[in-house]
Amino acid sequence: QVQLVESGGGLVQTGGSLRLSCVASRRMFSMNVMGWYRQAPGKQRELVASITSSGTTLYADSVKGRFTISRDPAKNTVYLQMNSLKPEDTAVYYCNLNFPNSWGQGTQVTVSS
């Protein structure tokens, strides 16, 4: 299994920004997709954004235009830049690697109104 360590969560006001980081214990291979998911209290975990090893990105409709996923292969790191945050973005954010299926421990993001 691959170890994933997230950081960068916190408390921010509506309209603010945060950048999450996910450091992997090894680099991405061609079949890999790394994604950011989130889970709010009482809700199912949902995909927020993903990025392939070639840099192709995918976003949930709810975050398009506000969030940006990127990666730094030299650092085995994937980022999630979150701008114009809303209270409904409040959740625990998890990093995921598709193969082997691996999850980070999660980082809390709280957006106050």
C-alpha atoms as a PDB file:
ATOM      1  CA  GLN A   1       0.000   0.000   0.000  1.00  0.00           C
ATOM      2  CA  VAL A   2       1.021   3.581  -0.576  1.00  0.00           C
ATOM      3  CA  GLN A   3       1.104   6.023   2.323  1.00  0.00           C
ATOM      4  CA  LEU A   4      -0.651   9.337   1.762  1.00  0.00           C
ATOM      5  CA  VAL A   5      -0.322  12.258   4.158  1.00  0.00           C
ATOM      6  CA  GLU A   6      -2.616  15.274   3.860  1.00  0.00           C
ATOM      7  CA  SER A   7      -2.093  18.707   5.336  1.00  0.00           C
ATOM      8  CA  GLY A   8      -3.371  22.244   4.950  1.00  0.00           C
ATOM      9  CA  GLY A   9      -6.855  22.096   6.389  1.00  0.00           C
ATOM     10  CA  GLY A  10      -8.184  24.606   8.850  1.00  0.00           C
ATOM     11  CA  LEU A  11     -10.821  27.192   9.670  1.00  0.00           C
ATOM     12  CA  VAL A  12     -11.506  29.945   7.166  1.00  0.00           C
ATOM     13  CA  GLN A  13     -14.234  32.497   6.579  1.00  0.00           C
ATOM     14  CA  THR A  14     -16.603  32.438   3.629  1.00  0.00           C
ATOM     15  CA  GLY A  15     -14.786  33.647   0.537  1.00  0.00           C
ATOM     16  CA  GLY A  16     -11.395  32.642   1.870  1.00  0.00           C
ATOM     17  CA  SER A  17      -8.819  30.247   0.473  1.00  0.00           C
ATOM     18  CA  LEU A  18      -6.908  27.178   1.571  1.00  0.00           C
ATOM     19  CA  ARG A  19      -4.397  24.902  -0.124  1.00  0.00           C
ATOM     20  CA  LEU A  20      -4.365  21.228   0.732  1.00  0.00           C
ATOM     21  CA  SER A  21      -1.329  19.035   0.125  1.00  0.00           C
ATOM     22  CA  CYS A  22      -1.071  15.268  -0.215  1.00  0.00           C
ATOM     23  CA  VAL A  23       2.369  13.684  -0.118  1.00  0.00           C
ATOM     24  CA  ALA A  24       2.641  10.126  -1.424  1.00  0.00           C
ATOM     25  CA  SER A  25       5.306   7.622  -0.423  1.00  0.00           C
ATOM     26  CA  ARG A  26       6.053   6.927  -4.076  1.00  0.00           C
ATOM     27  CA  ARG A  27       5.563   8.536  -7.479  1.00  0.00           C
ATOM     28  CA  MET A  28       2.537   8.141  -9.716  1.00  0.00           C
ATOM     29  CA  PHE A  29       2.673   5.549 -12.466  1.00  0.00           C
ATOM     30  CA  SER A  30       0.873   5.713 -15.795  1.00  0.00           C
ATOM     31  CA  MET A  31      -2.221   3.888 -14.524  1.00  0.00           C
ATOM     32  CA  ASN A  32      -2.551   6.081 -11.462  1.00  0.00           C
ATOM     33  CA  VAL A  33      -5.168   8.683 -10.690  1.00  0.00           C
ATOM     34  CA  MET A  34      -4.981  10.756  -7.554  1.00  0.00           C
ATOM     35  CA  GLY A  35      -8.088  12.354  -6.203  1.00  0.00           C
ATOM     36  CA  TRP A  36      -9.406  14.566  -3.465  1.00  0.00           C
ATOM     37  CA  TYR A  37     -12.619  13.445  -1.823  1.00  0.00           C
ATOM     38  CA  ARG A  38     -14.630  15.003   0.959  1.00  0.00           C
ATOM     39  CA  GLN A  39     -17.136  13.819   3.504  1.00  0.00           C
ATOM     40  CA  ALA A  40     -19.434  16.118   5.413  1.00  0.00           C
ATOM     41  CA  PRO A  41     -21.256  14.967   8.565  1.00  0.00           C
ATOM     42  CA  GLY A  42     -24.158  12.708   7.675  1.00  0.00           C
ATOM     43  CA  LYS A  43     -23.250  12.628   4.000  1.00  0.00           C
ATOM     44  CA  GLN A  44     -21.501  10.168   1.727  1.00  0.00           C
ATOM     45  CA  ARG A  45     -17.938  10.668   0.642  1.00  0.00           C
ATOM     46  CA  GLU A  46     -17.815  12.429  -2.717  1.00  0.00           C
ATOM     47  CA  LEU A  47     -15.186  13.091  -5.353  1.00  0.00           C
ATOM     48  CA  VAL A  48     -14.045  16.704  -5.457  1.00  0.00           C
ATOM     49  CA  ALA A  49     -11.287  16.583  -8.065  1.00  0.00           C
ATOM     50  CA  SER A  50      -8.850  14.154  -9.629  1.00  0.00           C
ATOM     51  CA  ILE A  51      -5.702  14.228 -11.710  1.00  0.00           C
ATOM     52  CA  THR A  52      -4.045  11.561 -13.837  1.00  0.00           C
ATOM     53  CA  SER A  53      -0.340  10.908 -14.190  1.00  0.00           C
ATOM     54  CA  SER A  54      -0.451  12.815 -17.499  1.00  0.00           C
ATOM     55  CA  GLY A  55      -2.113  15.812 -15.870  1.00  0.00           C
ATOM     56  CA  THR A  56      -5.719  15.395 -17.002  1.00  0.00           C
ATOM     57  CA  THR A  57      -8.063  16.865 -14.418  1.00  0.00           C
ATOM     58  CA  LEU A  58     -11.674  16.321 -13.439  1.00  0.00           C
ATOM     59  CA  TYR A  59     -13.844  18.389 -11.105  1.00  0.00           C
ATOM     60  CA  ALA A  60     -17.167  18.047  -9.379  1.00  0.00           C
ATOM     61  CA  ASP A  61     -19.671  20.590 -10.681  1.00  0.00           C
ATOM     62  CA  SER A  62     -19.944  22.138  -7.235  1.00  0.00           C
ATOM     63  CA  VAL A  63     -16.285  23.222  -7.217  1.00  0.00           C
ATOM     64  CA  LYS A  64     -15.616  24.052 -10.876  1.00  0.00           C
ATOM     65  CA  GLY A  65     -14.081  27.473 -11.233  1.00  0.00           C
ATOM     66  CA  ARG A  66     -13.195  27.648  -7.534  1.00  0.00           C
ATOM     67  CA  PHE A  67     -10.886  24.680  -6.884  1.00  0.00           C
ATOM     68  CA  THR A  68      -7.756  23.673  -8.772  1.00  0.00           C
ATOM     69  CA  ILE A  69      -5.964  20.341  -8.503  1.00  0.00           C
ATOM     70  CA  SER A  70      -2.317  20.141  -9.462  1.00  0.00           C
ATOM     71  CA  ARG A  71       0.705  17.963  -8.883  1.00  0.00           C
ATOM     72  CA  ASP A  72       4.450  18.212  -8.401  1.00  0.00           C
ATOM     73  CA  PRO A  73       5.974  14.916  -9.583  1.00  0.00           C
ATOM     74  CA  ALA A  74       9.370  15.813  -8.147  1.00  0.00           C
ATOM     75  CA  LYS A  75       7.813  15.966  -4.672  1.00  0.00           C
ATOM     76  CA  ASN A  76       5.270  13.127  -5.107  1.00  0.00           C
ATOM     77  CA  THR A  77       2.708  15.718  -4.059  1.00  0.00           C
ATOM     78  CA  VAL A  78      -0.780  16.630  -5.201  1.00  0.00           C
ATOM     79  CA  TYR A  79      -2.372  19.925  -4.249  1.00  0.00           C
ATOM     80  CA  LEU A  80      -5.906  21.234  -4.015  1.00  0.00           C
ATOM     81  CA  GLN A  81      -6.146  25.008  -4.170  1.00  0.00           C
ATOM     82  CA  MET A  82      -9.536  26.047  -2.842  1.00  0.00           C
ATOM     83  CA  ASN A  83     -10.735  29.600  -3.455  1.00  0.00           C
ATOM     84  CA  SER A  84     -14.032  31.355  -2.796  1.00  0.00           C
ATOM     85  CA  LEU A  85     -14.835  28.856  -0.089  1.00  0.00           C
ATOM     86  CA  LYS A  86     -18.428  28.411   1.033  1.00  0.00           C
ATOM     87  CA  PRO A  87     -19.905  26.939   4.227  1.00  0.00           C
ATOM     88  CA  GLU A  88     -21.091  23.944   2.183  1.00  0.00           C
ATOM     89  CA  ASP A  89     -17.429  23.111   1.478  1.00  0.00           C
ATOM     90  CA  THR A  90     -17.039  22.202   5.149  1.00  0.00           C
ATOM     91  CA  ALA A  91     -15.947  18.559   5.349  1.00  0.00           C
ATOM     92  CA  VAL A  92     -13.084  16.214   6.007  1.00  0.00           C
ATOM     93  CA  TYR A  93     -10.981  16.096   2.855  1.00  0.00           C
ATOM     94  CA  TYR A  94      -9.230  12.877   1.900  1.00  0.00           C
ATOM     95  CA  CYS A  95      -6.537  12.123  -0.627  1.00  0.00           C
ATOM     96  CA  ASN A  96      -6.843   8.912  -2.638  1.00  0.00           C
ATOM     97  CA  LEU A  97      -4.653   6.908  -4.979  1.00  0.00           C
ATOM     98  CA  ASN A  98      -6.603   4.559  -7.228  1.00  0.00           C
ATOM     99  CA  PHE A  99      -4.089   1.701  -7.467  1.00  0.00           C
ATOM    100  CA  PRO A 100      -3.260   0.247  -5.077  1.00  0.00           C
ATOM    101  CA  ASN A 101      -6.330   1.763  -3.447  1.00  0.00           C
ATOM    102  CA  SER A 102      -4.915   4.007  -0.735  1.00  0.00           C
ATOM    103  CA  TRP A 103      -6.365   6.741   1.478  1.00  0.00           C
ATOM    104  CA  GLY A 104      -4.891   9.425   3.632  1.00  0.00           C
ATOM    105  CA  GLN A 105      -6.038  10.138   7.170  1.00  0.00           C
ATOM    106  CA  GLY A 106      -8.047  13.198   6.167  1.00  0.00           C
ATOM    107  CA  THR A 107      -7.801  16.884   6.970  1.00  0.00           C
ATOM    108  CA  GLN A 108     -10.648  19.005   8.316  1.00  0.00           C
ATOM    109  CA  VAL A 109     -11.792  22.060   6.382  1.00  0.00           C
ATOM    110  CA  THR A 110     -14.282  24.335   8.115  1.00  0.00           C
ATOM    111  CA  VAL A 111     -15.763  27.379   6.411  1.00  0.00           C
ATOM    112  CA  SER A 112     -17.567  29.792   8.706  1.00  0.00           C
ATOM    113  CA  SER A 113     -20.421  31.977   7.492  1.00  0.00           C
END
